[in-house]
PDB file of N, CA and C in Angstrom:
ATOM      1  N   MET A   1      12.239   0.332  35.563  1.00  0.00           N
ATOM      2  CA  MET A   1      11.550  -0.139  34.375  1.00  0.00           C
ATOM      3  C   MET A   1      11.066  -1.576  34.559  1.00  0.00           C
ATOM      4  N   TRP A   2      11.787  -2.377  35.286  1.00  0.00           N
ATOM      5  CA  TRP A   2      11.393  -3.770  35.437  1.00  0.00           C
ATOM      6  C   TRP A   2      10.102  -3.909  36.232  1.00  0.00           C
ATOM      7  N   ARG A   3       9.765  -2.896  37.003  1.00  0.00           N
ATOM      8  CA  ARG A   3       8.517  -2.956  37.776  1.00  0.00           C
ATOM      9  C   ARG A   3       7.279  -2.822  36.893  1.00  0.00           C
ATOM     10  N   VAL A   4       7.457  -2.211  35.729  1.00  0.00           N
ATOM     11  CA  VAL A   4       6.328  -2.102  34.800  1.00  0.00           C
ATOM     12  C   VAL A   4       5.882  -3.486  34.366  1.00  0.00           C
ATOM     13  N   TRP A   5       6.856  -4.394  34.154  1.00  0.00           N
ATOM     14  CA  TRP A   5       6.512  -5.739  33.695  1.00  0.00           C
ATOM     15  C   TRP A   5       5.890  -6.566  34.814  1.00  0.00           C
ATOM     16  N   LEU A   6       5.979  -6.117  36.039  1.00  0.00           N
ATOM     17  CA  LEU A   6       5.255  -6.781  37.114  1.00  0.00           C
ATOM     18  C   LEU A   6       3.767  -6.420  37.061  1.00  0.00           C
ATOM     19  N   LEU A   7       3.455  -5.270  36.481  1.00  0.00           N
ATOM     20  CA  LEU A   7       2.057  -4.858  36.347  1.00  0.00           C
ATOM     21  C   LEU A   7       1.391  -5.481  35.118  1.00  0.00           C
ATOM     22  N   PHE A   8       2.160  -5.624  34.037  1.00  0.00           N
ATOM     23  CA  PHE A   8       1.624  -6.139  32.779  1.00  0.00           C
ATOM     24  C   PHE A   8       2.301  -7.452  32.423  1.00  0.00           C
ATOM     25  N   ASP A   9       1.509  -8.374  31.866  1.00  0.00           N
ATOM     26  CA  ASP A   9       2.073  -9.623  31.355  1.00  0.00           C
ATOM     27  C   ASP A   9       2.809  -9.306  30.053  1.00  0.00           C
ATOM     28  N   PRO A  10       4.107  -9.608  29.960  1.00  0.00           N
ATOM     29  CA  PRO A  10       4.873  -9.236  28.757  1.00  0.00           C
ATOM     30  C   PRO A  10       4.327  -9.853  27.473  1.00  0.00           C
ATOM     31  N   ARG A  11       3.887 -11.094  27.530  1.00  0.00           N
ATOM     32  CA  ARG A  11       3.368 -11.725  26.315  1.00  0.00           C
ATOM     33  C   ARG A  11       2.120 -11.017  25.807  1.00  0.00           C
ATOM     34  N   ARG A  12       1.203 -10.727  26.702  1.00  0.00           N
ATOM     35  CA  ARG A  12      -0.032 -10.051  26.300  1.00  0.00           C
ATOM     36  C   ARG A  12       0.259  -8.626  25.809  1.00  0.00           C
ATOM     37  N   ALA A  13       1.189  -7.960  26.473  1.00  0.00           N
ATOM     38  CA  ALA A  13       1.523  -6.589  26.078  1.00  0.00           C
ATOM     39  C   ALA A  13       2.163  -6.571  24.689  1.00  0.00           C
ATOM     40  N   LEU A  14       3.067  -7.506  24.408  1.00  0.00           N
ATOM     41  CA  LEU A  14       3.722  -7.545  23.098  1.00  0.00           C
ATOM     42  C   LEU A  14       2.752  -7.965  21.995  1.00  0.00           C
ATOM     43  N   VAL A  15       1.880  -8.905  22.283  1.00  0.00           N
ATOM     44  CA  VAL A  15       0.881  -9.301  21.286  1.00  0.00           C
ATOM     45  C   VAL A  15      -0.044  -8.126  20.980  1.00  0.00           C
ATOM     46  N   ALA A  16      -0.456  -7.417  22.010  1.00  0.00           N
ATOM     47  CA  ALA A  16      -1.313  -6.239  21.792  1.00  0.00           C
ATOM     48  C   ALA A  16      -0.571  -5.159  21.011  1.00  0.00           C
ATOM     49  N   LEU A  17       0.700  -4.964  21.306  1.00  0.00           N
ATOM     50  CA  LEU A  17       1.494  -3.969  20.583  1.00  0.00           C
ATOM     51  C   LEU A  17       1.622  -4.330  19.109  1.00  0.00           C
ATOM     52  N   PHE A  18       1.940  -5.590  18.814  1.00  0.00           N
ATOM     53  CA  PHE A  18       2.099  -6.004  17.419  1.00  0.00           C
ATOM     54  C   PHE A  18       0.769  -5.960  16.677  1.00  0.00           C
ATOM     55  N   ALA A  19      -0.319  -6.309  17.331  1.00  0.00           N
ATOM     56  CA  ALA A  19      -1.637  -6.222  16.693  1.00  0.00           C
ATOM     57  C   ALA A  19      -1.982  -4.765  16.386  1.00  0.00           C
ATOM     58  N   PHE A  20      -1.718  -3.880  17.328  1.00  0.00           N
ATOM     59  CA  PHE A  20      -1.972  -2.459  17.101  1.00  0.00           C
ATOM     60  C   PHE A  20      -1.134  -1.928  15.941  1.00  0.00           C
ATOM     61  N   LEU A  21       0.135  -2.295  15.881  1.00  0.00           N
ATOM     62  CA  LEU A  21       0.998  -1.818  14.802  1.00  0.00           C
ATOM     63  C   LEU A  21       0.569  -2.372  13.443  1.00  0.00           C
ATOM     64  N   ALA A  22       0.099  -3.611  13.405  1.00  0.00           N
ATOM     65  CA  ALA A  22      -0.380  -4.188  12.147  1.00  0.00           C
ATOM     66  C   ALA A  22      -1.631  -3.459  11.661  1.00  0.00           C
ATOM     67  N   VAL A  23      -2.554  -3.187  12.571  1.00  0.00           N
ATOM     68  CA  VAL A  23      -3.766  -2.461  12.193  1.00  0.00           C
ATOM     69  C   VAL A  23      -3.414  -1.041  11.743  1.00  0.00           C
ATOM     70  N   LEU A  24      -2.497  -0.408  12.424  1.00  0.00           N
ATOM     71  CA  LEU A  24      -2.063   0.935  12.042  1.00  0.00           C
ATOM     72  C   LEU A  24      -1.424   0.938  10.660  1.00  0.00           C
ATOM     73  N   ALA A  25      -0.586  -0.048  10.378  1.00  0.00           N
ATOM     74  CA  ALA A  25       0.066  -0.131   9.060  1.00  0.00           C
ATOM     75  C   ALA A  25      -0.974  -0.329   7.959  1.00  0.00           C
ATOM     76  N   LEU A  26      -1.946  -1.204   8.173  1.00  0.00           N
ATOM     77  CA  LEU A  26      -2.990  -1.405   7.166  1.00  0.00           C
ATOM     78  C   LEU A  26      -3.816  -0.138   6.964  1.00  0.00           C
ATOM     79  N   LEU A  27      -4.127   0.534   8.042  1.00  0.00           N
ATOM     80  CA  LEU A  27      -4.889   1.772   7.954  1.00  0.00           C
ATOM     81  C   LEU A  27      -4.141   2.827   7.141  1.00  0.00           C
ATOM     82  N   ILE A  28      -2.859   2.974   7.399  1.00  0.00           N
ATOM     83  CA  ILE A  28      -2.055   3.962   6.660  1.00  0.00           C
ATOM     84  C   ILE A  28      -1.995   3.597   5.178  1.00  0.00           C
ATOM     85  N   HIS A  29      -1.818   2.310   4.858  1.00  0.00           N
ATOM     86  CA  HIS A  29      -1.751   1.907   3.459  1.00  0.00           C
ATOM     87  C   HIS A  29      -3.078   2.148   2.747  1.00  0.00           C
ATOM     88  N   PHE A  30      -4.188   1.846   3.391  1.00  0.00           N
ATOM     89  CA  PHE A  30      -5.484   2.083   2.759  1.00  0.00           C
ATOM     90  C   PHE A  30      -5.765   3.574   2.594  1.00  0.00           C
ATOM     91  N   ILE A  31      -5.334   4.376   3.539  1.00  0.00           N
ATOM     92  CA  ILE A  31      -5.497   5.826   3.393  1.00  0.00           C
ATOM     93  C   ILE A  31      -4.675   6.324   2.206  1.00  0.00           C
ATOM     94  N   LEU A  32      -3.448   5.839   2.071  1.00  0.00           N
ATOM     95  CA  LEU A  32      -2.618   6.250   0.934  1.00  0.00           C
ATOM     96  C   LEU A  32      -3.190   5.763  -0.390  1.00  0.00           C
ATOM     97  N   LEU A  33      -3.767   4.566  -0.413  1.00  0.00           N
ATOM     98  CA  LEU A  33      -4.364   4.065  -1.646  1.00  0.00           C
ATOM     99  C   LEU A  33      -5.592   4.862  -2.057  1.00  0.00           C
ATOM    100  N   SER A  34      -6.238   5.514  -1.105  1.00  0.00           N
ATOM    101  CA  SER A  34      -7.432   6.285  -1.433  1.00  0.00           C
ATOM    102  C   SER A  34      -7.098   7.664  -1.990  1.00  0.00           C
ATOM    103  N   THR A  35      -5.840   8.089  -1.929  1.00  0.00           N
ATOM    104  CA  THR A  35      -5.465   9.393  -2.468  1.00  0.00           C
ATOM    105  C   THR A  35      -5.025   9.247  -3.917  1.00  0.00           C
ATOM    106  N   GLU A  36      -5.156  10.323  -4.655  1.00  0.00           N
ATOM    107  CA  GLU A  36      -4.765  10.299  -6.073  1.00  0.00           C
ATOM    108  C   GLU A  36      -3.245  10.289  -6.232  1.00  0.00           C
ATOM    109  N   ARG A  37      -2.541  10.996  -5.367  1.00  0.00           N
ATOM    110  CA  ARG A  37      -1.093  11.133  -5.518  1.00  0.00           C
ATOM    111  C   ARG A  37      -0.329   9.867  -5.127  1.00  0.00           C
ATOM    112  N   PHE A  38      -0.775   9.189  -4.084  1.00  0.00           N
ATOM    113  CA  PHE A  38      -0.006   8.067  -3.549  1.00  0.00           C
ATOM    114  C   PHE A  38      -0.620   6.708  -3.854  1.00  0.00           C
ATOM    115  N   ASN A  39      -1.529   6.627  -4.803  1.00  0.00           N
ATOM    116  CA  ASN A  39      -2.126   5.350  -5.181  1.00  0.00           C
ATOM    117  C   ASN A  39      -1.201   4.658  -6.179  1.00  0.00           C
ATOM    118  N   TRP A  40      -0.322   3.811  -5.679  1.00  0.00           N
ATOM    119  CA  TRP A  40       0.687   3.176  -6.529  1.00  0.00           C
ATOM    120  C   TRP A  40       0.081   2.100  -7.415  1.00  0.00           C
ATOM    121  N   MET A  41      -1.070   1.558  -7.056  1.00  0.00           N
ATOM    122  CA  MET A  41      -1.700   0.542  -7.906  1.00  0.00           C
ATOM    123  C   MET A  41      -2.296   1.188  -9.156  1.00  0.00           C
ATOM    124  N   HIS A  42      -2.920   2.320  -8.999  1.00  0.00           N
ATOM    125  CA  HIS A  42      -3.528   3.008 -10.136  1.00  0.00           C
ATOM    126  C   HIS A  42      -2.460   3.596 -11.052  1.00  0.00           C
ATOM    127  N   SER A  43      -1.399   4.118 -10.487  1.00  0.00           N
ATOM    128  CA  SER A  43      -0.339   4.705 -11.314  1.00  0.00           C
ATOM    129  C   SER A  43       0.398   3.637 -12.112  1.00  0.00           C
ATOM    130  N   ALA A  44       0.470   2.427 -11.594  1.00  0.00           N
ATOM    131  CA  ALA A  44       1.125   1.344 -12.341  1.00  0.00           C
ATOM    132  C   ALA A  44       0.311   0.999 -13.582  1.00  0.00           C
ATOM    133  N   SER A  45      -1.013   1.008 -13.476  1.00  0.00           N
ATOM    134  CA  SER A  45      -1.829   0.713 -14.649  1.00  0.00           C
ATOM    135  C   SER A  45      -1.752   1.855 -15.661  1.00  0.00           C
ATOM    136  N   LEU A  46      -1.557   3.091 -15.196  1.00  0.00           N
ATOM    137  CA  LEU A  46      -1.385   4.208 -16.115  1.00  0.00           C
ATOM    138  C   LEU A  46      -0.089   4.076 -16.897  1.00  0.00           C
ATOM    139  N   VAL A  47       0.961   3.600 -16.245  1.00  0.00           N
ATOM    140  CA  VAL A  47       2.236   3.396 -16.933  1.00  0.00           C
ATOM    141  C   VAL A  47       2.081   2.320 -18.000  1.00  0.00           C
ATOM    142  N   ASP A  48       1.378   1.231 -17.681  1.00  0.00           N
ATOM    143  CA  ASP A  48       1.157   0.181 -18.668  1.00  0.00           C
ATOM    144  C   ASP A  48       0.365   0.696 -19.858  1.00  0.00           C
ATOM    145  N   THR A  49      -0.662   1.503 -19.597  1.00  0.00           N
ATOM    146  CA  THR A  49      -1.470   2.067 -20.672  1.00  0.00           C
ATOM    147  C   THR A  49      -0.636   3.006 -21.533  1.00  0.00           C
ATOM    148  N   THR A  50       0.204   3.807 -20.893  1.00  0.00           N
ATOM    149  CA  THR A  50       1.060   4.731 -21.640  1.00  0.00           C
ATOM    150  C   THR A  50       2.046   3.963 -22.514  1.00  0.00           C
ATOM    151  N   GLU A  51       2.591   2.880 -21.981  1.00  0.00           N
ATOM    152  CA  GLU A  51       3.524   2.071 -22.767  1.00  0.00           C
ATOM    153  C   GLU A  51       2.806   1.429 -23.951  1.00  0.00           C
ATOM    154  N   GLN A  52       1.579   0.982 -23.764  1.00  0.00           N
ATOM    155  CA  GLN A  52       0.826   0.367 -24.858  1.00  0.00           C
ATOM    156  C   GLN A  52       0.537   1.387 -25.951  1.00  0.00           C
ATOM    157  N   VAL A  53       0.199   2.595 -25.552  1.00  0.00           N
ATOM    158  CA  VAL A  53      -0.069   3.651 -26.535  1.00  0.00           C
ATOM    159  C   VAL A  53       1.210   3.980 -27.305  1.00  0.00           C
ATOM    160  N   ALA A  54       2.338   4.029 -26.602  1.00  0.00           N
ATOM    161  CA  ALA A  54       3.607   4.336 -27.270  1.00  0.00           C
ATOM    162  C   ALA A  54       3.980   3.244 -28.269  1.00  0.00           C
ATOM    163  N   VAL A  55       3.755   1.989 -27.901  1.00  0.00           N
ATOM    164  CA  VAL A  55       4.073   0.883 -28.799  1.00  0.00           C
ATOM    165  C   VAL A  55       3.153   0.910 -30.007  1.00  0.00           C
ATOM    166  N   GLN A  56       1.871   1.190 -29.790  1.00  0.00           N
ATOM    167  CA  GLN A  56       0.932   1.262 -30.906  1.00  0.00           C
ATOM    168  C   GLN A  56       1.283   2.416 -31.849  1.00  0.00           C
ATOM    169  N   ALA A  57       1.747   3.524 -31.273  1.00  0.00           N
ATOM    170  CA  ALA A  57       2.125   4.667 -32.110  1.00  0.00           C
ATOM    171  C   ALA A  57       3.351   4.339 -32.957  1.00  0.00           C
ATOM    172  N   GLN A  58       4.272   3.568 -32.423  1.00  0.00           N
ATOM    173  CA  GLN A  58       5.482   3.217 -33.159  1.00  0.00           C
ATOM    174  C   GLN A  58       5.176   2.228 -34.281  1.00  0.00           C
ATOM    175  N   THR A  59       4.280   1.289 -34.022  1.00  0.00           N
ATOM    176  CA  THR A  59       3.979   0.273 -35.025  1.00  0.00           C
ATOM    177  C   THR A  59       2.935   0.747 -36.025  1.00  0.00           C
ATOM    178  N   GLY A  60       2.203   1.806 -35.678  1.00  0.00           N
ATOM    179  CA  GLY A  60       1.202   2.335 -36.591  1.00  0.00           C
ATOM    180  C   GLY A  60      -0.118   1.594 -36.518  1.00  0.00           C
ATOM    181  N   LYS A  61      -0.296   0.710 -35.575  1.00  0.00           N
ATOM    182  CA  LYS A  61      -1.543  -0.039 -35.426  1.00  0.00           C
ATOM    183  C   LYS A  61      -2.488   0.735 -34.525  1.00  0.00           C
ATOM    184  N   SER A  62      -3.760   0.647 -34.830  1.00  0.00           N
ATOM    185  CA  SER A  62      -4.774   1.313 -34.019  1.00  0.00           C
ATOM    186  C   SER A  62      -5.813   0.295 -33.611  1.00  0.00           C
ATOM    187  N   THR A  63      -6.290   0.404 -32.393  1.00  0.00           N
ATOM    188  CA  THR A  63      -7.313  -0.521 -31.921  1.00  0.00           C
ATOM    189  C   THR A  63      -8.713  -0.007 -32.225  1.00  0.00           C
ATOM    190  N   LEU A  64      -8.813   1.219 -32.774  1.00  0.00           N
ATOM    191  CA  LEU A  64     -10.131   1.792 -33.030  1.00  0.00           C
ATOM    192  C   LEU A  64     -10.721   1.319 -34.360  1.00  0.00           C
ATOM    193  N   GLY A  65      -9.937   0.880 -35.246  1.00  0.00           N
ATOM    194  CA  GLY A  65     -10.567   0.443 -36.480  1.00  0.00           C
ATOM    195  C   GLY A  65      -9.649   0.135 -37.537  1.00  0.00           C
TER     196      GLY A  65
END
């Protein structure tokens, strides 16, 4: 195994590995954000909207008029 590091510079190989993993992680997160099921940002706003509707229903206030 040590002969592999004679072929490749360890610093360059590790920097390339970490850059590849960072790009892969961002790609996976953006793919998940584009789906309806795994979009955690959109579902958080739905929870806030649902809570606001529940509070308005309890207090009897309406924003429509």
